[in-house]
Amino acid sequence: NRELLSEQEAFQQFWEALNKESWMT
């Protein structure tokens, strides 16, 4: 029920989530 994002749009959302949630490697 939801159209998939483009690769770049998905990356931007992914990057923002990593920052917001303070993930570390």
PDBML (XML) file of the C-alpha atoms, coordinates in Angstrom:
<?xml version="1.0" encoding="UTF-8" ?>
<PDBx:datablock datablockName="MODEL"
   xmlns:PDBx="http://pdbml.pdb.org/schema/pdbx-v50.xsd"
   xmlns:xsi="http://www.w3.org/2001/XMLSchema-instance"
   xsi:schemaLocation="http://pdbml.pdb.org/schema/pdbx-v50.xsd pdbx-v50.xsd">
   <PDBx:atom_siteCategory>
      <PDBx:atom_site id="1">
         <PDBx:B_iso_or_equiv>0.00</PDBx:B_iso_or_equiv>
         <PDBx:Cartn_x>0.000</PDBx:Cartn_x>
         <PDBx:Cartn_y>0.000</PDBx:Cartn_y>
         <PDBx:Cartn_z>0.000</PDBx:Cartn_z>
         <PDBx:auth_asym_id>A</PDBx:auth_asym_id>
         <PDBx:auth_atom_id>CA</PDBx:auth_atom_id>
         <PDBx:auth_comp_id>ASN</PDBx:auth_comp_id>
         <PDBx:auth_seq_id>1</PDBx:auth_seq_id>
         <PDBx:group_PDB>ATOM</PDBx:group_PDB>
         <PDBx:label_alt_id xsi:nil="true" />
         <PDBx:label_asym_id>A</PDBx:label_asym_id>
         <PDBx:label_atom_id>CA</PDBx:label_atom_id>
         <PDBx:label_comp_id>ASN</PDBx:label_comp_id>
         <PDBx:label_entity_id>1</PDBx:label_entity_id>
         <PDBx:label_seq_id>1</PDBx:label_seq_id>
         <PDBx:occupancy>1.00</PDBx:occupancy>
         <PDBx:pdbx_PDB_model_num>1</PDBx:pdbx_PDB_model_num>
         <PDBx:type_symbol>C</PDBx:type_symbol>
      </PDBx:atom_site>
      <PDBx:atom_site id="2">
         <PDBx:B_iso_or_equiv>0.00</PDBx:B_iso_or_equiv>
         <PDBx:Cartn_x>2.907</PDBx:Cartn_x>
         <PDBx:Cartn_y>2.370</PDBx:Cartn_y>
         <PDBx:Cartn_z>-0.420</PDBx:Cartn_z>
         <PDBx:auth_asym_id>A</PDBx:auth_asym_id>
         <PDBx:auth_atom_id>CA</PDBx:auth_atom_id>
         <PDBx:auth_comp_id>ARG</PDBx:auth_comp_id>
         <PDBx:auth_seq_id>2</PDBx:auth_seq_id>
         <PDBx:group_PDB>ATOM</PDBx:group_PDB>
         <PDBx:label_alt_id xsi:nil="true" />
         <PDBx:label_asym_id>A</PDBx:label_asym_id>
         <PDBx:label_atom_id>CA</PDBx:label_atom_id>
         <PDBx:label_comp_id>ARG</PDBx:label_comp_id>
         <PDBx:label_entity_id>1</PDBx:label_entity_id>
         <PDBx:label_seq_id>2</PDBx:label_seq_id>
         <PDBx:occupancy>1.00</PDBx:occupancy>
         <PDBx:pdbx_PDB_model_num>1</PDBx:pdbx_PDB_model_num>
         <PDBx:type_symbol>C</PDBx:type_symbol>
      </PDBx:atom_site>
      <PDBx:atom_site id="3">
         <PDBx:B_iso_or_equiv>0.00</PDBx:B_iso_or_equiv>
         <PDBx:Cartn_x>5.041</PDBx:Cartn_x>
         <PDBx:Cartn_y>3.219</PDBx:Cartn_y>
         <PDBx:Cartn_z>-3.384</PDBx:Cartn_z>
         <PDBx:auth_asym_id>A</PDBx:auth_asym_id>
         <PDBx:auth_atom_id>CA</PDBx:auth_atom_id>
         <PDBx:auth_comp_id>GLU</PDBx:auth_comp_id>
         <PDBx:auth_seq_id>3</PDBx:auth_seq_id>
         <PDBx:group_PDB>ATOM</PDBx:group_PDB>
         <PDBx:label_alt_id xsi:nil="true" />
         <PDBx:label_asym_id>A</PDBx:label_asym_id>
         <PDBx:label_atom_id>CA</PDBx:label_atom_id>
         <PDBx:label_comp_id>GLU</PDBx:label_comp_id>
         <PDBx:label_entity_id>1</PDBx:label_entity_id>
         <PDBx:label_seq_id>3</PDBx:label_seq_id>
         <PDBx:occupancy>1.00</PDBx:occupancy>
         <PDBx:pdbx_PDB_model_num>1</PDBx:pdbx_PDB_model_num>
         <PDBx:type_symbol>C</PDBx:type_symbol>
      </PDBx:atom_site>
      <PDBx:atom_site id="4">
         <PDBx:B_iso_or_equiv>0.00</PDBx:B_iso_or_equiv>
         <PDBx:Cartn_x>8.709</PDBx:Cartn_x>
         <PDBx:Cartn_y>2.525</PDBx:Cartn_y>
         <PDBx:Cartn_z>-2.810</PDBx:Cartn_z>
         <PDBx:auth_asym_id>A</PDBx:auth_asym_id>
         <PDBx:auth_atom_id>CA</PDBx:auth_atom_id>
         <PDBx:auth_comp_id>LEU</PDBx:auth_comp_id>
         <PDBx:auth_seq_id>4</PDBx:auth_seq_id>
         <PDBx:group_PDB>ATOM</PDBx:group_PDB>
         <PDBx:label_alt_id xsi:nil="true" />
         <PDBx:label_asym_id>A</PDBx:label_asym_id>
         <PDBx:label_atom_id>CA</PDBx:label_atom_id>
         <PDBx:label_comp_id>LEU</PDBx:label_comp_id>
         <PDBx:label_entity_id>1</PDBx:label_entity_id>
         <PDBx:label_seq_id>4</PDBx:label_seq_id>
         <PDBx:occupancy>1.00</PDBx:occupancy>
         <PDBx:pdbx_PDB_model_num>1</PDBx:pdbx_PDB_model_num>
         <PDBx:type_symbol>C</PDBx:type_symbol>
      </PDBx:atom_site>
      <PDBx:atom_site id="5">
         <PDBx:B_iso_or_equiv>0.00</PDBx:B_iso_or_equiv>
         <PDBx:Cartn_x>11.067</PDBx:Cartn_x>
         <PDBx:Cartn_y>5.461</PDBx:Cartn_y>
         <PDBx:Cartn_z>-2.671</PDBx:Cartn_z>
         <PDBx:auth_asym_id>A</PDBx:auth_asym_id>
         <PDBx:auth_atom_id>CA</PDBx:auth_atom_id>
         <PDBx:auth_comp_id>LEU</PDBx:auth_comp_id>
         <PDBx:auth_seq_id>5</PDBx:auth_seq_id>
         <PDBx:group_PDB>ATOM</PDBx:group_PDB>
         <PDBx:label_alt_id xsi:nil="true" />
         <PDBx:label_asym_id>A</PDBx:label_asym_id>
         <PDBx:label_atom_id>CA</PDBx:label_atom_id>
         <PDBx:label_comp_id>LEU</PDBx:label_comp_id>
         <PDBx:label_entity_id>1</PDBx:label_entity_id>
         <PDBx:label_seq_id>5</PDBx:label_seq_id>
         <PDBx:occupancy>1.00</PDBx:occupancy>
         <PDBx:pdbx_PDB_model_num>1</PDBx:pdbx_PDB_model_num>
         <PDBx:type_symbol>C</PDBx:type_symbol>
      </PDBx:atom_site>
      <PDBx:atom_site id="6">
         <PDBx:B_iso_or_equiv>0.00</PDBx:B_iso_or_equiv>
         <PDBx:Cartn_x>13.809</PDBx:Cartn_x>
         <PDBx:Cartn_y>6.051</PDBx:Cartn_y>
         <PDBx:Cartn_z>-5.191</PDBx:Cartn_z>
         <PDBx:auth_asym_id>A</PDBx:auth_asym_id>
         <PDBx:auth_atom_id>CA</PDBx:auth_atom_id>
         <PDBx:auth_comp_id>SER</PDBx:auth_comp_id>
         <PDBx:auth_seq_id>6</PDBx:auth_seq_id>
         <PDBx:group_PDB>ATOM</PDBx:group_PDB>
         <PDBx:label_alt_id xsi:nil="true" />
         <PDBx:label_asym_id>A</PDBx:label_asym_id>
         <PDBx:label_atom_id>CA</PDBx:label_atom_id>
         <PDBx:label_comp_id>SER</PDBx:label_comp_id>
         <PDBx:label_entity_id>1</PDBx:label_entity_id>
         <PDBx:label_seq_id>6</PDBx:label_seq_id>
         <PDBx:occupancy>1.00</PDBx:occupancy>
         <PDBx:pdbx_PDB_model_num>1</PDBx:pdbx_PDB_model_num>
         <PDBx:type_symbol>C</PDBx:type_symbol>
      </PDBx:atom_site>
      <PDBx:atom_site id="7">
         <PDBx:B_iso_or_equiv>0.00</PDBx:B_iso_or_equiv>
         <PDBx:Cartn_x>17.216</PDBx:Cartn_x>
         <PDBx:Cartn_y>4.849</PDBx:Cartn_y>
         <PDBx:Cartn_z>-4.054</PDBx:Cartn_z>
         <PDBx:auth_asym_id>A</PDBx:auth_asym_id>
         <PDBx:auth_atom_id>CA</PDBx:auth_atom_id>
         <PDBx:auth_comp_id>GLU</PDBx:auth_comp_id>
         <PDBx:auth_seq_id>7</PDBx:auth_seq_id>
         <PDBx:group_PDB>ATOM</PDBx:group_PDB>
         <PDBx:label_alt_id xsi:nil="true" />
         <PDBx:label_asym_id>A</PDBx:label_asym_id>
         <PDBx:label_atom_id>CA</PDBx:label_atom_id>
         <PDBx:label_comp_id>GLU</PDBx:label_comp_id>
         <PDBx:label_entity_id>1</PDBx:label_entity_id>
         <PDBx:label_seq_id>7</PDBx:label_seq_id>
         <PDBx:occupancy>1.00</PDBx:occupancy>
         <PDBx:pdbx_PDB_model_num>1</PDBx:pdbx_PDB_model_num>
         <PDBx:type_symbol>C</PDBx:type_symbol>
      </PDBx:atom_site>
      <PDBx:atom_site id="8">
         <PDBx:B_iso_or_equiv>0.00</PDBx:B_iso_or_equiv>
         <PDBx:Cartn_x>18.321</PDBx:Cartn_x>
         <PDBx:Cartn_y>8.435</PDBx:Cartn_y>
         <PDBx:Cartn_z>-3.323</PDBx:Cartn_z>
         <PDBx:auth_asym_id>A</PDBx:auth_asym_id>
         <PDBx:auth_atom_id>CA</PDBx:auth_atom_id>
         <PDBx:auth_comp_id>GLN</PDBx:auth_comp_id>
         <PDBx:auth_seq_id>8</PDBx:auth_seq_id>
         <PDBx:group_PDB>ATOM</PDBx:group_PDB>
         <PDBx:label_alt_id xsi:nil="true" />
         <PDBx:label_asym_id>A</PDBx:label_asym_id>
         <PDBx:label_atom_id>CA</PDBx:label_atom_id>
         <PDBx:label_comp_id>GLN</PDBx:label_comp_id>
         <PDBx:label_entity_id>1</PDBx:label_entity_id>
         <PDBx:label_seq_id>8</PDBx:label_seq_id>
         <PDBx:occupancy>1.00</PDBx:occupancy>
         <PDBx:pdbx_PDB_model_num>1</PDBx:pdbx_PDB_model_num>
         <PDBx:type_symbol>C</PDBx:type_symbol>
      </PDBx:atom_site>
      <PDBx:atom_site id="9">
         <PDBx:B_iso_or_equiv>0.00</PDBx:B_iso_or_equiv>
         <PDBx:Cartn_x>15.133</PDBx:Cartn_x>
         <PDBx:Cartn_y>9.310</PDBx:Cartn_y>
         <PDBx:Cartn_z>-1.418</PDBx:Cartn_z>
         <PDBx:auth_asym_id>A</PDBx:auth_asym_id>
         <PDBx:auth_atom_id>CA</PDBx:auth_atom_id>
         <PDBx:auth_comp_id>GLU</PDBx:auth_comp_id>
         <PDBx:auth_seq_id>9</PDBx:auth_seq_id>
         <PDBx:group_PDB>ATOM</PDBx:group_PDB>
         <PDBx:label_alt_id xsi:nil="true" />
         <PDBx:label_asym_id>A</PDBx:label_asym_id>
         <PDBx:label_atom_id>CA</PDBx:label_atom_id>
         <PDBx:label_comp_id>GLU</PDBx:label_comp_id>
         <PDBx:label_entity_id>1</PDBx:label_entity_id>
         <PDBx:label_seq_id>9</PDBx:label_seq_id>
         <PDBx:occupancy>1.00</PDBx:occupancy>
         <PDBx:pdbx_PDB_model_num>1</PDBx:pdbx_PDB_model_num>
         <PDBx:type_symbol>C</PDBx:type_symbol>
      </PDBx:atom_site>
      <PDBx:atom_site id="10">
         <PDBx:B_iso_or_equiv>0.00</PDBx:B_iso_or_equiv>
         <PDBx:Cartn_x>15.451</PDBx:Cartn_x>
         <PDBx:Cartn_y>6.119</PDBx:Cartn_y>
         <PDBx:Cartn_z>0.624</PDBx:Cartn_z>
         <PDBx:auth_asym_id>A</PDBx:auth_asym_id>
         <PDBx:auth_atom_id>CA</PDBx:auth_atom_id>
         <PDBx:auth_comp_id>ALA</PDBx:auth_comp_id>
         <PDBx:auth_seq_id>10</PDBx:auth_seq_id>
         <PDBx:group_PDB>ATOM</PDBx:group_PDB>
         <PDBx:label_alt_id xsi:nil="true" />
         <PDBx:label_asym_id>A</PDBx:label_asym_id>
         <PDBx:label_atom_id>CA</PDBx:label_atom_id>
         <PDBx:label_comp_id>ALA</PDBx:label_comp_id>
         <PDBx:label_entity_id>1</PDBx:label_entity_id>
         <PDBx:label_seq_id>10</PDBx:label_seq_id>
         <PDBx:occupancy>1.00</PDBx:occupancy>
         <PDBx:pdbx_PDB_model_num>1</PDBx:pdbx_PDB_model_num>
         <PDBx:type_symbol>C</PDBx:type_symbol>
      </PDBx:atom_site>
      <PDBx:atom_site id="11">
         <PDBx:B_iso_or_equiv>0.00</PDBx:B_iso_or_equiv>
         <PDBx:Cartn_x>19.097</PDBx:Cartn_x>
         <PDBx:Cartn_y>6.928</PDBx:Cartn_y>
         <PDBx:Cartn_z>1.359</PDBx:Cartn_z>
         <PDBx:auth_asym_id>A</PDBx:auth_asym_id>
         <PDBx:auth_atom_id>CA</PDBx:auth_atom_id>
         <PDBx:auth_comp_id>PHE</PDBx:auth_comp_id>
         <PDBx:auth_seq_id>11</PDBx:auth_seq_id>
         <PDBx:group_PDB>ATOM</PDBx:group_PDB>
         <PDBx:label_alt_id xsi:nil="true" />
         <PDBx:label_asym_id>A</PDBx:label_asym_id>
         <PDBx:label_atom_id>CA</PDBx:label_atom_id>
         <PDBx:label_comp_id>PHE</PDBx:label_comp_id>
         <PDBx:label_entity_id>1</PDBx:label_entity_id>
         <PDBx:label_seq_id>11</PDBx:label_seq_id>
         <PDBx:occupancy>1.00</PDBx:occupancy>
         <PDBx:pdbx_PDB_model_num>1</PDBx:pdbx_PDB_model_num>
         <PDBx:type_symbol>C</PDBx:type_symbol>
      </PDBx:atom_site>
      <PDBx:atom_site id="12">
         <PDBx:B_iso_or_equiv>0.00</PDBx:B_iso_or_equiv>
         <PDBx:Cartn_x>18.177</PDBx:Cartn_x>
         <PDBx:Cartn_y>10.407</PDBx:Cartn_y>
         <PDBx:Cartn_z>2.598</PDBx:Cartn_z>
         <PDBx:auth_asym_id>A</PDBx:auth_asym_id>
         <PDBx:auth_atom_id>CA</PDBx:auth_atom_id>
         <PDBx:auth_comp_id>GLN</PDBx:auth_comp_id>
         <PDBx:auth_seq_id>12</PDBx:auth_seq_id>
         <PDBx:group_PDB>ATOM</PDBx:group_PDB>
         <PDBx:label_alt_id xsi:nil="true" />
         <PDBx:label_asym_id>A</PDBx:label_asym_id>
         <PDBx:label_atom_id>CA</PDBx:label_atom_id>
         <PDBx:label_comp_id>GLN</PDBx:label_comp_id>
         <PDBx:label_entity_id>1</PDBx:label_entity_id>
         <PDBx:label_seq_id>12</PDBx:label_seq_id>
         <PDBx:occupancy>1.00</PDBx:occupancy>
         <PDBx:pdbx_PDB_model_num>1</PDBx:pdbx_PDB_model_num>
         <PDBx:type_symbol>C</PDBx:type_symbol>
      </PDBx:atom_site>
      <PDBx:atom_site id="13">
         <PDBx:B_iso_or_equiv>0.00</PDBx:B_iso_or_equiv>
         <PDBx:Cartn_x>15.533</PDBx:Cartn_x>
         <PDBx:Cartn_y>8.932</PDBx:Cartn_y>
         <PDBx:Cartn_z>4.924</PDBx:Cartn_z>
         <PDBx:auth_asym_id>A</PDBx:auth_asym_id>
         <PDBx:auth_atom_id>CA</PDBx:auth_atom_id>
         <PDBx:auth_comp_id>GLN</PDBx:auth_comp_id>
         <PDBx:auth_seq_id>13</PDBx:auth_seq_id>
         <PDBx:group_PDB>ATOM</PDBx:group_PDB>
         <PDBx:label_alt_id xsi:nil="true" />
         <PDBx:label_asym_id>A</PDBx:label_asym_id>
         <PDBx:label_atom_id>CA</PDBx:label_atom_id>
         <PDBx:label_comp_id>GLN</PDBx:label_comp_id>
         <PDBx:label_entity_id>1</PDBx:label_entity_id>
         <PDBx:label_seq_id>13</PDBx:label_seq_id>
         <PDBx:occupancy>1.00</PDBx:occupancy>
         <PDBx:pdbx_PDB_model_num>1</PDBx:pdbx_PDB_model_num>
         <PDBx:type_symbol>C</PDBx:type_symbol>
      </PDBx:atom_site>
      <PDBx:atom_site id="14">
         <PDBx:B_iso_or_equiv>0.00</PDBx:B_iso_or_equiv>
         <PDBx:Cartn_x>18.021</PDBx:Cartn_x>
         <PDBx:Cartn_y>6.275</PDBx:Cartn_y>
         <PDBx:Cartn_z>6.096</PDBx:Cartn_z>
         <PDBx:auth_asym_id>A</PDBx:auth_asym_id>
         <PDBx:auth_atom_id>CA</PDBx:auth_atom_id>
         <PDBx:auth_comp_id>PHE</PDBx:auth_comp_id>
         <PDBx:auth_seq_id>14</PDBx:auth_seq_id>
         <PDBx:group_PDB>ATOM</PDBx:group_PDB>
         <PDBx:label_alt_id xsi:nil="true" />
         <PDBx:label_asym_id>A</PDBx:label_asym_id>
         <PDBx:label_atom_id>CA</PDBx:label_atom_id>
         <PDBx:label_comp_id>PHE</PDBx:label_comp_id>
         <PDBx:label_entity_id>1</PDBx:label_entity_id>
         <PDBx:label_seq_id>14</PDBx:label_seq_id>
         <PDBx:occupancy>1.00</PDBx:occupancy>
         <PDBx:pdbx_PDB_model_num>1</PDBx:pdbx_PDB_model_num>
         <PDBx:type_symbol>C</PDBx:type_symbol>
      </PDBx:atom_site>
      <PDBx:atom_site id="15">
         <PDBx:B_iso_or_equiv>0.00</PDBx:B_iso_or_equiv>
         <PDBx:Cartn_x>20.751</PDBx:Cartn_x>
         <PDBx:Cartn_y>8.857</PDBx:Cartn_y>
         <PDBx:Cartn_z>6.762</PDBx:Cartn_z>
         <PDBx:auth_asym_id>A</PDBx:auth_asym_id>
         <PDBx:auth_atom_id>CA</PDBx:auth_atom_id>
         <PDBx:auth_comp_id>TRP</PDBx:auth_comp_id>
         <PDBx:auth_seq_id>15</PDBx:auth_seq_id>
         <PDBx:group_PDB>ATOM</PDBx:group_PDB>
         <PDBx:label_alt_id xsi:nil="true" />
         <PDBx:label_asym_id>A</PDBx:label_asym_id>
         <PDBx:label_atom_id>CA</PDBx:label_atom_id>
         <PDBx:label_comp_id>TRP</PDBx:label_comp_id>
         <PDBx:label_entity_id>1</PDBx:label_entity_id>
         <PDBx:label_seq_id>15</PDBx:label_seq_id>
         <PDBx:occupancy>1.00</PDBx:occupancy>
         <PDBx:pdbx_PDB_model_num>1</PDBx:pdbx_PDB_model_num>
         <PDBx:type_symbol>C</PDBx:type_symbol>
      </PDBx:atom_site>
      <PDBx:atom_site id="16">
         <PDBx:B_iso_or_equiv>0.00</PDBx:B_iso_or_equiv>
         <PDBx:Cartn_x>18.357</PDBx:Cartn_x>
         <PDBx:Cartn_y>11.075</PDBx:Cartn_y>
         <PDBx:Cartn_z>8.707</PDBx:Cartn_z>
         <PDBx:auth_asym_id>A</PDBx:auth_asym_id>
         <PDBx:auth_atom_id>CA</PDBx:auth_atom_id>
         <PDBx:auth_comp_id>GLU</PDBx:auth_comp_id>
         <PDBx:auth_seq_id>16</PDBx:auth_seq_id>
         <PDBx:group_PDB>ATOM</PDBx:group_PDB>
         <PDBx:label_alt_id xsi:nil="true" />
         <PDBx:label_asym_id>A</PDBx:label_asym_id>
         <PDBx:label_atom_id>CA</PDBx:label_atom_id>
         <PDBx:label_comp_id>GLU</PDBx:label_comp_id>
         <PDBx:label_entity_id>1</PDBx:label_entity_id>
         <PDBx:label_seq_id>16</PDBx:label_seq_id>
         <PDBx:occupancy>1.00</PDBx:occupancy>
         <PDBx:pdbx_PDB_model_num>1</PDBx:pdbx_PDB_model_num>
         <PDBx:type_symbol>C</PDBx:type_symbol>
      </PDBx:atom_site>
      <PDBx:atom_site id="17">
         <PDBx:B_iso_or_equiv>0.00</PDBx:B_iso_or_equiv>
         <PDBx:Cartn_x>17.212</PDBx:Cartn_x>
         <PDBx:Cartn_y>8.124</PDBx:Cartn_y>
         <PDBx:Cartn_z>10.854</PDBx:Cartn_z>
         <PDBx:auth_asym_id>A</PDBx:auth_asym_id>
         <PDBx:auth_atom_id>CA</PDBx:auth_atom_id>
         <PDBx:auth_comp_id>ALA</PDBx:auth_comp_id>
         <PDBx:auth_seq_id>17</PDBx:auth_seq_id>
         <PDBx:group_PDB>ATOM</PDBx:group_PDB>
         <PDBx:label_alt_id xsi:nil="true" />
         <PDBx:label_asym_id>A</PDBx:label_asym_id>
         <PDBx:label_atom_id>CA</PDBx:label_atom_id>
         <PDBx:label_comp_id>ALA</PDBx:label_comp_id>
         <PDBx:label_entity_id>1</PDBx:label_entity_id>
         <PDBx:label_seq_id>17</PDBx:label_seq_id>
         <PDBx:occupancy>1.00</PDBx:occupancy>
         <PDBx:pdbx_PDB_model_num>1</PDBx:pdbx_PDB_model_num>
         <PDBx:type_symbol>C</PDBx:type_symbol>
      </PDBx:atom_site>
      <PDBx:atom_site id="18">
         <PDBx:B_iso_or_equiv>0.00</PDBx:B_iso_or_equiv>
         <PDBx:Cartn_x>20.824</PDBx:Cartn_x>
         <PDBx:Cartn_y>7.145</PDBx:Cartn_y>
         <PDBx:Cartn_z>11.630</PDBx:Cartn_z>
         <PDBx:auth_asym_id>A</PDBx:auth_asym_id>
         <PDBx:auth_atom_id>CA</PDBx:auth_atom_id>
         <PDBx:auth_comp_id>LEU</PDBx:auth_comp_id>
         <PDBx:auth_seq_id>18</PDBx:auth_seq_id>
         <PDBx:group_PDB>ATOM</PDBx:group_PDB>
         <PDBx:label_alt_id xsi:nil="true" />
         <PDBx:label_asym_id>A</PDBx:label_asym_id>
         <PDBx:label_atom_id>CA</PDBx:label_atom_id>
         <PDBx:label_comp_id>LEU</PDBx:label_comp_id>
         <PDBx:label_entity_id>1</PDBx:label_entity_id>
         <PDBx:label_seq_id>18</PDBx:label_seq_id>
         <PDBx:occupancy>1.00</PDBx:occupancy>
         <PDBx:pdbx_PDB_model_num>1</PDBx:pdbx_PDB_model_num>
         <PDBx:type_symbol>C</PDBx:type_symbol>
      </PDBx:atom_site>
      <PDBx:atom_site id="19">
         <PDBx:B_iso_or_equiv>0.00</PDBx:B_iso_or_equiv>
         <PDBx:Cartn_x>21.547</PDBx:Cartn_x>
         <PDBx:Cartn_y>10.699</PDBx:Cartn_y>
         <PDBx:Cartn_z>12.769</PDBx:Cartn_z>
         <PDBx:auth_asym_id>A</PDBx:auth_asym_id>
         <PDBx:auth_atom_id>CA</PDBx:auth_atom_id>
         <PDBx:auth_comp_id>ASN</PDBx:auth_comp_id>
         <PDBx:auth_seq_id>19</PDBx:auth_seq_id>
         <PDBx:group_PDB>ATOM</PDBx:group_PDB>
         <PDBx:label_alt_id xsi:nil="true" />
         <PDBx:label_asym_id>A</PDBx:label_asym_id>
         <PDBx:label_atom_id>CA</PDBx:label_atom_id>
         <PDBx:label_comp_id>ASN</PDBx:label_comp_id>
         <PDBx:label_entity_id>1</PDBx:label_entity_id>
         <PDBx:label_seq_id>19</PDBx:label_seq_id>
         <PDBx:occupancy>1.00</PDBx:occupancy>
         <PDBx:pdbx_PDB_model_num>1</PDBx:pdbx_PDB_model_num>
         <PDBx:type_symbol>C</PDBx:type_symbol>
      </PDBx:atom_site>
      <PDBx:atom_site id="20">
         <PDBx:B_iso_or_equiv>0.00</PDBx:B_iso_or_equiv>
         <PDBx:Cartn_x>18.338</PDBx:Cartn_x>
         <PDBx:Cartn_y>11.102</PDBx:Cartn_y>
         <PDBx:Cartn_z>14.759</PDBx:Cartn_z>
         <PDBx:auth_asym_id>A</PDBx:auth_asym_id>
         <PDBx:auth_atom_id>CA</PDBx:auth_atom_id>
         <PDBx:auth_comp_id>LYS</PDBx:auth_comp_id>
         <PDBx:auth_seq_id>20</PDBx:auth_seq_id>
         <PDBx:group_PDB>ATOM</PDBx:group_PDB>
         <PDBx:label_alt_id xsi:nil="true" />
         <PDBx:label_asym_id>A</PDBx:label_asym_id>
         <PDBx:label_atom_id>CA</PDBx:label_atom_id>
         <PDBx:label_comp_id>LYS</PDBx:label_comp_id>
         <PDBx:label_entity_id>1</PDBx:label_entity_id>
         <PDBx:label_seq_id>20</PDBx:label_seq_id>
         <PDBx:occupancy>1.00</PDBx:occupancy>
         <PDBx:pdbx_PDB_model_num>1</PDBx:pdbx_PDB_model_num>
         <PDBx:type_symbol>C</PDBx:type_symbol>
      </PDBx:atom_site>
      <PDBx:atom_site id="21">
         <PDBx:B_iso_or_equiv>0.00</PDBx:B_iso_or_equiv>
         <PDBx:Cartn_x>18.812</PDBx:Cartn_x>
         <PDBx:Cartn_y>7.787</PDBx:Cartn_y>
         <PDBx:Cartn_z>16.561</PDBx:Cartn_z>
         <PDBx:auth_asym_id>A</PDBx:auth_asym_id>
         <PDBx:auth_atom_id>CA</PDBx:auth_atom_id>
         <PDBx:auth_comp_id>GLU</PDBx:auth_comp_id>
         <PDBx:auth_seq_id>21</PDBx:auth_seq_id>
         <PDBx:group_PDB>ATOM</PDBx:group_PDB>
         <PDBx:label_alt_id xsi:nil="true" />
         <PDBx:label_asym_id>A</PDBx:label_asym_id>
         <PDBx:label_atom_id>CA</PDBx:label_atom_id>
         <PDBx:label_comp_id>GLU</PDBx:label_comp_id>
         <PDBx:label_entity_id>1</PDBx:label_entity_id>
         <PDBx:label_seq_id>21</PDBx:label_seq_id>
         <PDBx:occupancy>1.00</PDBx:occupancy>
         <PDBx:pdbx_PDB_model_num>1</PDBx:pdbx_PDB_model_num>
         <PDBx:type_symbol>C</PDBx:type_symbol>
      </PDBx:atom_site>
      <PDBx:atom_site id="22">
         <PDBx:B_iso_or_equiv>0.00</PDBx:B_iso_or_equiv>
         <PDBx:Cartn_x>22.590</PDBx:Cartn_x>
         <PDBx:Cartn_y>8.270</PDBx:Cartn_y>
         <PDBx:Cartn_z>17.117</PDBx:Cartn_z>
         <PDBx:auth_asym_id>A</PDBx:auth_asym_id>
         <PDBx:auth_atom_id>CA</PDBx:auth_atom_id>
         <PDBx:auth_comp_id>SER</PDBx:auth_comp_id>
         <PDBx:auth_seq_id>22</PDBx:auth_seq_id>
         <PDBx:group_PDB>ATOM</PDBx:group_PDB>
         <PDBx:label_alt_id xsi:nil="true" />
         <PDBx:label_asym_id>A</PDBx:label_asym_id>
         <PDBx:label_atom_id>CA</PDBx:label_atom_id>
         <PDBx:label_comp_id>SER</PDBx:label_comp_id>
         <PDBx:label_entity_id>1</PDBx:label_entity_id>
         <PDBx:label_seq_id>22</PDBx:label_seq_id>
         <PDBx:occupancy>1.00</PDBx:occupancy>
         <PDBx:pdbx_PDB_model_num>1</PDBx:pdbx_PDB_model_num>
         <PDBx:type_symbol>C</PDBx:type_symbol>
      </PDBx:atom_site>
      <PDBx:atom_site id="23">
         <PDBx:B_iso_or_equiv>0.00</PDBx:B_iso_or_equiv>
         <PDBx:Cartn_x>23.755</PDBx:Cartn_x>
         <PDBx:Cartn_y>4.939</PDBx:Cartn_y>
         <PDBx:Cartn_z>15.681</PDBx:Cartn_z>
         <PDBx:auth_asym_id>A</PDBx:auth_asym_id>
         <PDBx:auth_atom_id>CA</PDBx:auth_atom_id>
         <PDBx:auth_comp_id>TRP</PDBx:auth_comp_id>
         <PDBx:auth_seq_id>23</PDBx:auth_seq_id>
         <PDBx:group_PDB>ATOM</PDBx:group_PDB>
         <PDBx:label_alt_id xsi:nil="true" />
         <PDBx:label_asym_id>A</PDBx:label_asym_id>
         <PDBx:label_atom_id>CA</PDBx:label_atom_id>
         <PDBx:label_comp_id>TRP</PDBx:label_comp_id>
         <PDBx:label_entity_id>1</PDBx:label_entity_id>
         <PDBx:label_seq_id>23</PDBx:label_seq_id>
         <PDBx:occupancy>1.00</PDBx:occupancy>
         <PDBx:pdbx_PDB_model_num>1</PDBx:pdbx_PDB_model_num>
         <PDBx:type_symbol>C</PDBx:type_symbol>
      </PDBx:atom_site>
      <PDBx:atom_site id="24">
         <PDBx:B_iso_or_equiv>0.00</PDBx:B_iso_or_equiv>
         <PDBx:Cartn_x>27.492</PDBx:Cartn_x>
         <PDBx:Cartn_y>4.184</PDBx:Cartn_y>
         <PDBx:Cartn_z>15.996</PDBx:Cartn_z>
         <PDBx:auth_asym_id>A</PDBx:auth_asym_id>
         <PDBx:auth_atom_id>CA</PDBx:auth_atom_id>
         <PDBx:auth_comp_id>MET</PDBx:auth_comp_id>
         <PDBx:auth_seq_id>24</PDBx:auth_seq_id>
         <PDBx:group_PDB>ATOM</PDBx:group_PDB>
         <PDBx:label_alt_id xsi:nil="true" />
         <PDBx:label_asym_id>A</PDBx:label_asym_id>
         <PDBx:label_atom_id>CA</PDBx:label_atom_id>
         <PDBx:label_comp_id>MET</PDBx:label_comp_id>
         <PDBx:label_entity_id>1</PDBx:label_entity_id>
         <PDBx:label_seq_id>24</PDBx:label_seq_id>
         <PDBx:occupancy>1.00</PDBx:occupancy>
         <PDBx:pdbx_PDB_model_num>1</PDBx:pdbx_PDB_model_num>
         <PDBx:type_symbol>C</PDBx:type_symbol>
      </PDBx:atom_site>
      <PDBx:atom_site id="25">
         <PDBx:B_iso_or_equiv>0.00</PDBx:B_iso_or_equiv>
         <PDBx:Cartn_x>29.807</PDBx:Cartn_x>
         <PDBx:Cartn_y>1.792</PDBx:Cartn_y>
         <PDBx:Cartn_z>14.181</PDBx:Cartn_z>
         <PDBx:auth_asym_id>A</PDBx:auth_asym_id>
         <PDBx:auth_atom_id>CA</PDBx:auth_atom_id>
         <PDBx:auth_comp_id>THR</PDBx:auth_comp_id>
         <PDBx:auth_seq_id>25</PDBx:auth_seq_id>
         <PDBx:group_PDB>ATOM</PDBx:group_PDB>
         <PDBx:label_alt_id xsi:nil="true" />
         <PDBx:label_asym_id>A</PDBx:label_asym_id>
         <PDBx:label_atom_id>CA</PDBx:label_atom_id>
         <PDBx:label_comp_id>THR</PDBx:label_comp_id>
         <PDBx:label_entity_id>1</PDBx:label_entity_id>
         <PDBx:label_seq_id>25</PDBx:label_seq_id>
         <PDBx:occupancy>1.00</PDBx:occupancy>
         <PDBx:pdbx_PDB_model_num>1</PDBx:pdbx_PDB_model_num>
         <PDBx:type_symbol>C</PDBx:type_symbol>
      </PDBx:atom_site>
   </PDBx:atom_siteCategory>
</PDBx:datablock>
